[in-house]
Structure formats: structure tokens, C-alpha cells
Amino acid sequence: YQRRVRVSQHSSSKDLWVSFLGKVYDLTPLLDKNAGNILLKPIQNAGGKDISHWFNANADSKTDFDPKVRTHIDRKTGCEVPHTPQGRFIHIPPAYPSATWANDFGTPWWKDESYCIGHLSNKTRKIRIINTLTSQEHTIEVCGEETLEEILNRFYKYNKHAASYTWKYNGVNLEMTKTLEQNGVKDEDEEFYELNFNEEDWLPAIHIYFNDDLTEA
């Protein structure tokens, strides 16, 4: 899972991510492959943003994910055509027949799963991780859908021996294959907001206990 803030950090033509319909795409290879094509401009302008409004999920599809570009009826021709108020983008045909239009590109980029790098998190939250051996404390932002194993992988940035610790919440061992919510670590930021409490003062604390085992690194 990817956080919205991380997606927003990839907004240049040399490193461009977008999200749509719950997935995150790294379109940098697409830009490299089609460098200089003016039809890349809408994509470049959308770098780091969510572009779900460009598409509809295909409810008639038998597959789990089959996005379709939104369409509208052209007033001049009465034909159904792609709706691209942000500007026609690459792999979208011209509004009218054109001898210069080449449709031999294969799968359009919005259907090409090779660009997909993960799902967009619906909700992120902050937690404190306290090392009982060193008394070090780190506050990290995680995705609500992530398991403790995935959070542990994120925590390697701060402790390369993170897997050599037992992770606990309120003295109870956490099941690493489950999410925080599934482990009883509730996300209460909405309640804190209603009570006008500062969420930062009430972050749940995960305590990690060293197992005296450095085989995990």
C-alpha cells in the first residue's frame, strides 16, 4: 500500500506517479518511452495526484479491474467520444478521423498493469514504536491496511534488527500477519477530533522487546 503523501512526492517528469481507482502507477517509463510527445502534457501536469475522475470502473467487465476513460456525446458529431477536459492524453484517439493516428501501441497505459506499483491507502495513521532495550522512540505513519509484518519492513529504516524483537501492545503480543485494527490497536483520531484533542498527544504506543537474537537482520 502507498500513502497519498508519498505519491505526491513523485511529481516530476523524471519520476512521476499517479493514482486512480484505488491503485498507484509509476508512469516514469511511459514518459521516457514517449519523450517529446505533446500528449504527455496532461499526465505531466497530473504528476503526484489522483486522477480517478479521468476514468470509470468498468462494471460490465468480468475482470477485477478494467478502467475505462470517461466519455461524453460530441455536440458536432453526435458520437460518443473520450471526455478529456484536461486535454487529450497519450493513447486517446483524436476527436475526428486522422491519417496520422497510429493505434499500434498495444495496451493503453491505464490498462497496463506493468505500471502498477501498489494500492492507494484509504486511511493512514501514526503510531509510536518504543524500543524497550534502548528507550528510543520513533513516530511513523503507516497505512491502515498494512499488516504488522509490512510495518516491520517499514521500520527497518530505523532498526535493521527489527525482526529480532517481539512486538507488543498493552503487554499483549501482536500477531504480525494482522493489521493494527485486527490486533485491537484502534484508530481513534475521529474521536479525538470530535473531542478537540490533539491526536499527536494520544498516539498508540507499540513496545518492542529484544529477543537476544541477531539472526534476523
C-alpha atoms as a PDB file:
ATOM      1  CA  TYR A   1       0.000   0.000   0.000  1.00  0.00           C
ATOM      2  CA  GLN A   2       1.125   3.531  -0.792  1.00  0.00           C
ATOM      3  CA  ARG A   3       0.369   6.676   1.182  1.00  0.00           C
ATOM      4  CA  ARG A   4      -1.064   9.708  -0.611  1.00  0.00           C
ATOM      5  CA  VAL A   5       1.768  11.849   0.686  1.00  0.00           C
ATOM      6  CA  ARG A   6       4.309   9.519  -0.897  1.00  0.00           C
ATOM      7  CA  VAL A   7       2.500   9.609  -4.230  1.00  0.00           C
ATOM      8  CA  SER A   8       2.560  13.410  -4.103  1.00  0.00           C
ATOM      9  CA  GLN A   9       6.351  13.351  -3.768  1.00  0.00           C
ATOM     10  CA  HIS A  10       6.720  11.824  -7.244  1.00  0.00           C
ATOM     11  CA  SER A  11       5.578  14.660  -9.479  1.00  0.00           C
ATOM     12  CA  SER A  12       8.440  15.401 -11.871  1.00  0.00           C
ATOM     13  CA  SER A  13       8.851  14.263 -15.463  1.00  0.00           C
ATOM     14  CA  LYS A  14      11.838  12.189 -14.309  1.00  0.00           C
ATOM     15  CA  ASP A  15       9.894  10.483 -11.546  1.00  0.00           C
ATOM     16  CA  LEU A  16       6.127  10.560 -11.963  1.00  0.00           C
ATOM     17  CA  TRP A  17       3.445   8.652 -10.073  1.00  0.00           C
ATOM     18  CA  VAL A  18      -0.322   8.993 -10.243  1.00  0.00           C
ATOM     19  CA  SER A  19      -3.171   7.191  -8.558  1.00  0.00           C
ATOM     20  CA  PHE A  20      -6.600   6.283  -9.851  1.00  0.00           C
ATOM     21  CA  LEU A  21      -9.431   3.998  -8.821  1.00  0.00           C
ATOM     22  CA  GLY A  22      -7.524   2.861  -5.742  1.00  0.00           C
ATOM     23  CA  LYS A  23      -4.233   1.937  -7.424  1.00  0.00           C
ATOM     24  CA  VAL A  24      -0.879   3.681  -7.775  1.00  0.00           C
ATOM     25  CA  TYR A  25       1.041   3.821 -11.050  1.00  0.00           C
ATOM     26  CA  ASP A  26       4.642   4.751 -11.799  1.00  0.00           C
ATOM     27  CA  LEU A  27       4.370   6.331 -15.241  1.00  0.00           C
ATOM     28  CA  THR A  28       8.037   7.303 -15.486  1.00  0.00           C
ATOM     29  CA  PRO A  29       8.733   4.548 -18.077  1.00  0.00           C
ATOM     30  CA  LEU A  30       5.774   5.769 -20.144  1.00  0.00           C
ATOM     31  CA  LEU A  31       7.204   9.294 -20.201  1.00  0.00           C
ATOM     32  CA  ASP A  32      10.668   8.002 -21.090  1.00  0.00           C
ATOM     33  CA  LYS A  33       9.298   5.866 -23.914  1.00  0.00           C
ATOM     34  CA  ASN A  34       7.294   8.728 -25.420  1.00  0.00           C
ATOM     35  CA  ALA A  35       9.624  11.649 -24.641  1.00  0.00           C
ATOM     36  CA  GLY A  36       8.712  14.765 -26.590  1.00  0.00           C
ATOM     37  CA  ASN A  37       5.122  13.718 -27.284  1.00  0.00           C
ATOM     38  CA  ILE A  38       2.827  16.677 -26.606  1.00  0.00           C
ATOM     39  CA  LEU A  39       0.094  14.269 -25.499  1.00  0.00           C
ATOM     40  CA  LEU A  40       2.120  13.630 -22.333  1.00  0.00           C
ATOM     41  CA  LYS A  41       1.413  17.131 -21.035  1.00  0.00           C
ATOM     42  CA  PRO A  42      -1.852  16.314 -19.174  1.00  0.00           C
ATOM     43  CA  ILE A  43      -0.092  13.400 -17.466  1.00  0.00           C
ATOM     44  CA  GLN A  44       2.887  15.541 -16.525  1.00  0.00           C
ATOM     45  CA  ASN A  45       0.538  18.165 -15.083  1.00  0.00           C
ATOM     46  CA  ALA A  46      -1.156  15.452 -13.018  1.00  0.00           C
ATOM     47  CA  GLY A  47       2.066  14.080 -11.508  1.00  0.00           C
ATOM     48  CA  GLY A  48       1.694  13.131  -7.851  1.00  0.00           C
ATOM     49  CA  LYS A  49      -2.093  13.480  -7.940  1.00  0.00           C
ATOM     50  CA  ASP A  50      -5.165  11.279  -8.015  1.00  0.00           C
ATOM     51  CA  ILE A  51      -6.784  11.158 -11.469  1.00  0.00           C
ATOM     52  CA  SER A  52      -9.721   8.873 -10.725  1.00  0.00           C
ATOM     53  CA  HIS A  53     -12.025  11.494 -12.273  1.00  0.00           C
ATOM     54  CA  TRP A  54     -10.484  10.656 -15.666  1.00  0.00           C
ATOM     55  CA  PHE A  55     -11.906   7.134 -15.557  1.00  0.00           C
ATOM     56  CA  ASN A  56     -14.859   4.918 -14.802  1.00  0.00           C
ATOM     57  CA  ALA A  57     -14.562   1.437 -13.404  1.00  0.00           C
ATOM     58  CA  ASN A  58     -15.998  -0.943 -15.976  1.00  0.00           C
ATOM     59  CA  ALA A  59     -18.895  -2.563 -14.129  1.00  0.00           C
ATOM     60  CA  ASP A  60     -19.554  -4.876 -17.083  1.00  0.00           C
ATOM     61  CA  SER A  61     -16.056  -6.323 -17.018  1.00  0.00           C
ATOM     62  CA  LYS A  62     -15.545  -9.884 -15.861  1.00  0.00           C
ATOM     63  CA  THR A  63     -12.125  -8.926 -14.512  1.00  0.00           C
ATOM     64  CA  ASP A  64     -11.495  -7.300 -11.147  1.00  0.00           C
ATOM     65  CA  PHE A  65     -10.043  -4.121 -12.609  1.00  0.00           C
ATOM     66  CA  ASP A  66     -10.794  -2.739 -16.050  1.00  0.00           C
ATOM     67  CA  PRO A  67     -10.835   1.080 -16.084  1.00  0.00           C
ATOM     68  CA  LYS A  68     -12.449   2.961 -18.948  1.00  0.00           C
ATOM     69  CA  VAL A  69     -11.805   6.553 -19.923  1.00  0.00           C
ATOM     70  CA  ARG A  70     -14.912   8.673 -19.293  1.00  0.00           C
ATOM     71  CA  THR A  71     -16.893   9.606 -22.372  1.00  0.00           C
ATOM     72  CA  HIS A  72     -19.456  12.159 -23.497  1.00  0.00           C
ATOM     73  CA  ILE A  73     -21.517  12.888 -26.609  1.00  0.00           C
ATOM     74  CA  ASP A  74     -19.801  15.217 -29.046  1.00  0.00           C
ATOM     75  CA  ARG A  75     -22.220  18.046 -29.940  1.00  0.00           C
ATOM     76  CA  LYS A  76     -20.993  18.315 -33.510  1.00  0.00           C
ATOM     77  CA  THR A  77     -20.956  14.641 -34.471  1.00  0.00           C
ATOM     78  CA  GLY A  78     -23.410  13.122 -32.007  1.00  0.00           C
ATOM     79  CA  CYS A  79     -20.817  10.410 -31.351  1.00  0.00           C
ATOM     80  CA  GLU A  80     -19.616   9.117 -28.021  1.00  0.00           C
ATOM     81  CA  VAL A  81     -16.003  10.251 -27.545  1.00  0.00           C
ATOM     82  CA  PRO A  82     -13.484  10.332 -24.667  1.00  0.00           C
ATOM     83  CA  HIS A  83     -14.117  13.146 -22.205  1.00  0.00           C
ATOM     84  CA  THR A  84     -10.760  14.820 -21.591  1.00  0.00           C
ATOM     85  CA  PRO A  85     -11.288  18.389 -20.310  1.00  0.00           C
ATOM     86  CA  GLN A  86      -7.723  18.333 -19.016  1.00  0.00           C
ATOM     87  CA  GLY A  87      -6.537  17.815 -22.595  1.00  0.00           C
ATOM     88  CA  ARG A  88      -6.252  14.772 -24.818  1.00  0.00           C
ATOM     89  CA  PHE A  89      -3.575  12.464 -23.466  1.00  0.00           C
ATOM     90  CA  ILE A  90      -1.465   9.706 -24.929  1.00  0.00           C
ATOM     91  CA  HIS A  91      -3.287   6.607 -26.280  1.00  0.00           C
ATOM     92  CA  ILE A  92      -6.532   8.588 -26.645  1.00  0.00           C
ATOM     93  CA  PRO A  93      -7.671   8.758 -30.299  1.00  0.00           C
ATOM     94  CA  PRO A  94      -8.329  12.157 -31.918  1.00  0.00           C
ATOM     95  CA  ALA A  95     -11.863  13.512 -31.911  1.00  0.00           C
ATOM     96  CA  TYR A  96     -12.104  13.102 -35.678  1.00  0.00           C
ATOM     97  CA  PRO A  97     -10.636  10.590 -38.155  1.00  0.00           C
ATOM     98  CA  SER A  98      -6.957  11.238 -38.816  1.00  0.00           C
ATOM     99  CA  ALA A  99      -4.453   9.551 -41.099  1.00  0.00           C
ATOM    100  CA  THR A 100      -1.700  10.319 -38.603  1.00  0.00           C
ATOM    101  CA  TRP A 101      -3.330   8.379 -35.757  1.00  0.00           C
ATOM    102  CA  ALA A 102      -1.380   5.201 -35.034  1.00  0.00           C
ATOM    103  CA  ASN A 103      -3.166   2.699 -32.820  1.00  0.00           C
ATOM    104  CA  ASP A 104      -0.457   0.054 -32.829  1.00  0.00           C
ATOM    105  CA  PHE A 105       0.735   0.862 -29.289  1.00  0.00           C
ATOM    106  CA  GLY A 106      -0.890  -2.239 -27.791  1.00  0.00           C
ATOM    107  CA  THR A 107      -2.443  -1.931 -24.328  1.00  0.00           C
ATOM    108  CA  PRO A 108      -3.276   1.660 -23.327  1.00  0.00           C
ATOM    109  CA  TRP A 109      -1.310   2.761 -20.295  1.00  0.00           C
ATOM    110  CA  TRP A 110      -4.307   2.938 -17.945  1.00  0.00           C
ATOM    111  CA  LYS A 111      -4.959  -0.761 -18.540  1.00  0.00           C
ATOM    112  CA  ASP A 112      -1.291  -1.793 -18.416  1.00  0.00           C
ATOM    113  CA  GLU A 113      -0.690  -3.353 -15.010  1.00  0.00           C
ATOM    114  CA  SER A 114       3.085  -3.296 -15.533  1.00  0.00           C
ATOM    115  CA  TYR A 115       2.941   0.341 -14.411  1.00  0.00           C
ATOM    116  CA  CYS A 116       1.022  -0.511 -11.231  1.00  0.00           C
ATOM    117  CA  ILE A 117       3.180  -0.413  -8.089  1.00  0.00           C
ATOM    118  CA  GLY A 118       0.534  -0.961  -5.429  1.00  0.00           C
ATOM    119  CA  HIS A 119      -2.751   0.143  -3.944  1.00  0.00           C
ATOM    120  CA  LEU A 120      -3.599   3.563  -2.565  1.00  0.00           C
ATOM    121  CA  SER A 121      -4.296   3.528   1.145  1.00  0.00           C
ATOM    122  CA  ASN A 122      -7.756   4.695   2.124  1.00  0.00           C
ATOM    123  CA  LYS A 123      -6.536   5.814   5.533  1.00  0.00           C
ATOM    124  CA  THR A 124      -3.167   6.400   7.142  1.00  0.00           C
ATOM    125  CA  ARG A 125      -2.395   6.752  10.815  1.00  0.00           C
ATOM    126  CA  LYS A 126       0.546   7.479  13.075  1.00  0.00           C
ATOM    127  CA  ILE A 127       1.906   5.189  15.766  1.00  0.00           C
ATOM    128  CA  ARG A 128       4.777   5.316  18.221  1.00  0.00           C
ATOM    129  CA  ILE A 129       7.258   2.462  18.329  1.00  0.00           C
ATOM    130  CA  ILE A 130       9.232   2.294  21.558  1.00  0.00           C
ATOM    131  CA  ASN A 131      12.358   0.158  21.834  1.00  0.00           C
ATOM    132  CA  THR A 132      12.429  -1.126  25.425  1.00  0.00           C
ATOM    133  CA  LEU A 133      16.110  -2.071  25.084  1.00  0.00           C
ATOM    134  CA  THR A 134      17.426   1.321  24.017  1.00  0.00           C
ATOM    135  CA  SER A 135      14.486   3.555  25.075  1.00  0.00           C
ATOM    136  CA  GLN A 136      14.471   5.007  21.570  1.00  0.00           C
ATOM    137  CA  GLU A 137      11.095   6.117  20.259  1.00  0.00           C
ATOM    138  CA  HIS A 138      10.028   6.694  16.676  1.00  0.00           C
ATOM    139  CA  THR A 139       6.744   8.030  15.315  1.00  0.00           C
ATOM    140  CA  ILE A 140       5.897   6.662  11.889  1.00  0.00           C
ATOM    141  CA  GLU A 141       2.948   6.975   9.550  1.00  0.00           C
ATOM    142  CA  VAL A 142       1.524   3.679   8.318  1.00  0.00           C
ATOM    143  CA  CYS A 143      -1.324   2.540   6.105  1.00  0.00           C
ATOM    144  CA  GLY A 144      -4.376   1.197   7.860  1.00  0.00           C
ATOM    145  CA  GLU A 145      -4.422  -1.802   5.518  1.00  0.00           C
ATOM    146  CA  GLU A 146      -0.844  -2.841   6.310  1.00  0.00           C
ATOM    147  CA  THR A 147      -0.076  -5.873   8.419  1.00  0.00           C
ATOM    148  CA  LEU A 148       2.428  -5.695  11.265  1.00  0.00           C
ATOM    149  CA  GLU A 149       4.883  -7.540   9.022  1.00  0.00           C
ATOM    150  CA  GLU A 150       4.625  -4.725   6.477  1.00  0.00           C
ATOM    151  CA  ILE A 151       5.013  -2.130   9.226  1.00  0.00           C
ATOM    152  CA  LEU A 152       8.061  -4.032  10.464  1.00  0.00           C
ATOM    153  CA  ASN A 153       9.551  -3.810   6.977  1.00  0.00           C
ATOM    154  CA  ARG A 154       8.930  -0.072   7.042  1.00  0.00           C
ATOM    155  CA  PHE A 155      10.643   0.103  10.465  1.00  0.00           C
ATOM    156  CA  TYR A 156      13.890  -1.419   9.137  1.00  0.00           C
ATOM    157  CA  LYS A 157      14.775   2.163   8.223  1.00  0.00           C
ATOM    158  CA  TYR A 158      15.227   2.839  11.953  1.00  0.00           C
ATOM    159  CA  ASN A 159      16.349  -0.567  13.208  1.00  0.00           C
ATOM    160  CA  LYS A 160      17.902  -3.168  10.898  1.00  0.00           C
ATOM    161  CA  HIS A 161      17.326  -5.833  13.572  1.00  0.00           C
ATOM    162  CA  ALA A 162      13.587  -5.091  13.879  1.00  0.00           C
ATOM    163  CA  ALA A 163      12.674  -8.736  13.242  1.00  0.00           C
ATOM    164  CA  SER A 164      14.692  -9.756  16.322  1.00  0.00           C
ATOM    165  CA  TYR A 165      12.120  -8.080  18.565  1.00  0.00           C
ATOM    166  CA  THR A 166       8.762  -9.155  19.936  1.00  0.00           C
ATOM    167  CA  TRP A 167       6.134  -6.524  19.210  1.00  0.00           C
ATOM    168  CA  LYS A 168       3.536  -5.831  21.882  1.00  0.00           C
ATOM    169  CA  TYR A 169       0.616  -3.501  22.544  1.00  0.00           C
ATOM    170  CA  ASN A 170      -0.599  -3.056  26.129  1.00  0.00           C
ATOM    171  CA  GLY A 171       1.560  -6.027  27.112  1.00  0.00           C
ATOM    172  CA  VAL A 172      -0.031  -8.380  24.557  1.00  0.00           C
ATOM    173  CA  ASN A 173       1.966  -9.946  21.720  1.00  0.00           C
ATOM    174  CA  LEU A 174       0.887  -8.653  18.336  1.00  0.00           C
ATOM    175  CA  GLU A 175       0.076 -11.058  15.519  1.00  0.00           C
ATOM    176  CA  MET A 176       2.365  -9.937  12.725  1.00  0.00           C
ATOM    177  CA  THR A 177       0.115 -11.228   9.930  1.00  0.00           C
ATOM    178  CA  LYS A 178      -2.751  -8.978  11.063  1.00  0.00           C
ATOM    179  CA  THR A 179      -3.352  -5.233  10.812  1.00  0.00           C
ATOM    180  CA  LEU A 180      -3.271  -2.860  13.761  1.00  0.00           C
ATOM    181  CA  GLU A 181      -7.078  -2.806  13.943  1.00  0.00           C
ATOM    182  CA  GLN A 182      -7.216  -6.591  13.833  1.00  0.00           C
ATOM    183  CA  ASN A 183      -4.774  -6.612  16.743  1.00  0.00           C
ATOM    184  CA  GLY A 184      -7.015  -4.320  18.761  1.00  0.00           C
ATOM    185  CA  VAL A 185      -4.988  -1.146  18.160  1.00  0.00           C
ATOM    186  CA  LYS A 186      -7.901   1.123  17.333  1.00  0.00           C
ATOM    187  CA  ASP A 187      -7.653   4.220  15.177  1.00  0.00           C
ATOM    188  CA  GLU A 188      -9.334   6.857  17.329  1.00  0.00           C
ATOM    189  CA  ASP A 189      -8.369  10.046  15.519  1.00  0.00           C
ATOM    190  CA  GLU A 190     -12.005  10.797  14.593  1.00  0.00           C
ATOM    191  CA  GLU A 191     -12.997  10.627  18.266  1.00  0.00           C
ATOM    192  CA  PHE A 192     -10.066  12.846  19.221  1.00  0.00           C
ATOM    193  CA  TYR A 193     -11.123  15.361  16.571  1.00  0.00           C
ATOM    194  CA  GLU A 194     -14.677  15.482  17.914  1.00  0.00           C
ATOM    195  CA  LEU A 195     -13.333  15.978  21.451  1.00  0.00           C
ATOM    196  CA  ASN A 196     -10.898  18.635  20.234  1.00  0.00           C
ATOM    197  CA  PHE A 197      -7.940  16.569  21.440  1.00  0.00           C
ATOM    198  CA  ASN A 198      -4.548  16.793  19.760  1.00  0.00           C
ATOM    199  CA  GLU A 199      -4.105  13.429  18.047  1.00  0.00           C
ATOM    200  CA  GLU A 200      -0.315  13.715  18.363  1.00  0.00           C
ATOM    201  CA  ASP A 201      -0.636  13.558  22.168  1.00  0.00           C
ATOM    202  CA  TRP A 202      -2.568  10.283  22.073  1.00  0.00           C
ATOM    203  CA  LEU A 203      -0.770   8.132  19.532  1.00  0.00           C
ATOM    204  CA  PRO A 204      -0.876   4.404  20.351  1.00  0.00           C
ATOM    205  CA  ALA A 205       2.446   3.028  21.540  1.00  0.00           C
ATOM    206  CA  ILE A 206       3.856  -0.236  20.263  1.00  0.00           C
ATOM    207  CA  HIS A 207       6.593  -1.611  22.523  1.00  0.00           C
ATOM    208  CA  ILE A 208       9.242  -3.854  21.022  1.00  0.00           C
ATOM    209  CA  TYR A 209      11.241  -6.264  23.192  1.00  0.00           C
ATOM    210  CA  PHE A 210      14.639  -7.578  22.132  1.00  0.00           C
ATOM    211  CA  ASN A 211      14.777 -11.368  21.752  1.00  0.00           C
ATOM    212  CA  ASP A 212      18.580 -11.592  22.160  1.00  0.00           C
ATOM    213  CA  ASP A 213      18.701 -12.970  18.617  1.00  0.00           C
ATOM    214  CA  LEU A 214      20.583 -11.187  15.840  1.00  0.00           C
ATOM    215  CA  THR A 215      19.941 -13.861  13.231  1.00  0.00           C
ATOM    216  CA  GLU A 216      17.230 -11.606  11.809  1.00  0.00           C
ATOM    217  CA  ALA A 217      18.861  -8.607  10.159  1.00  0.00           C
END
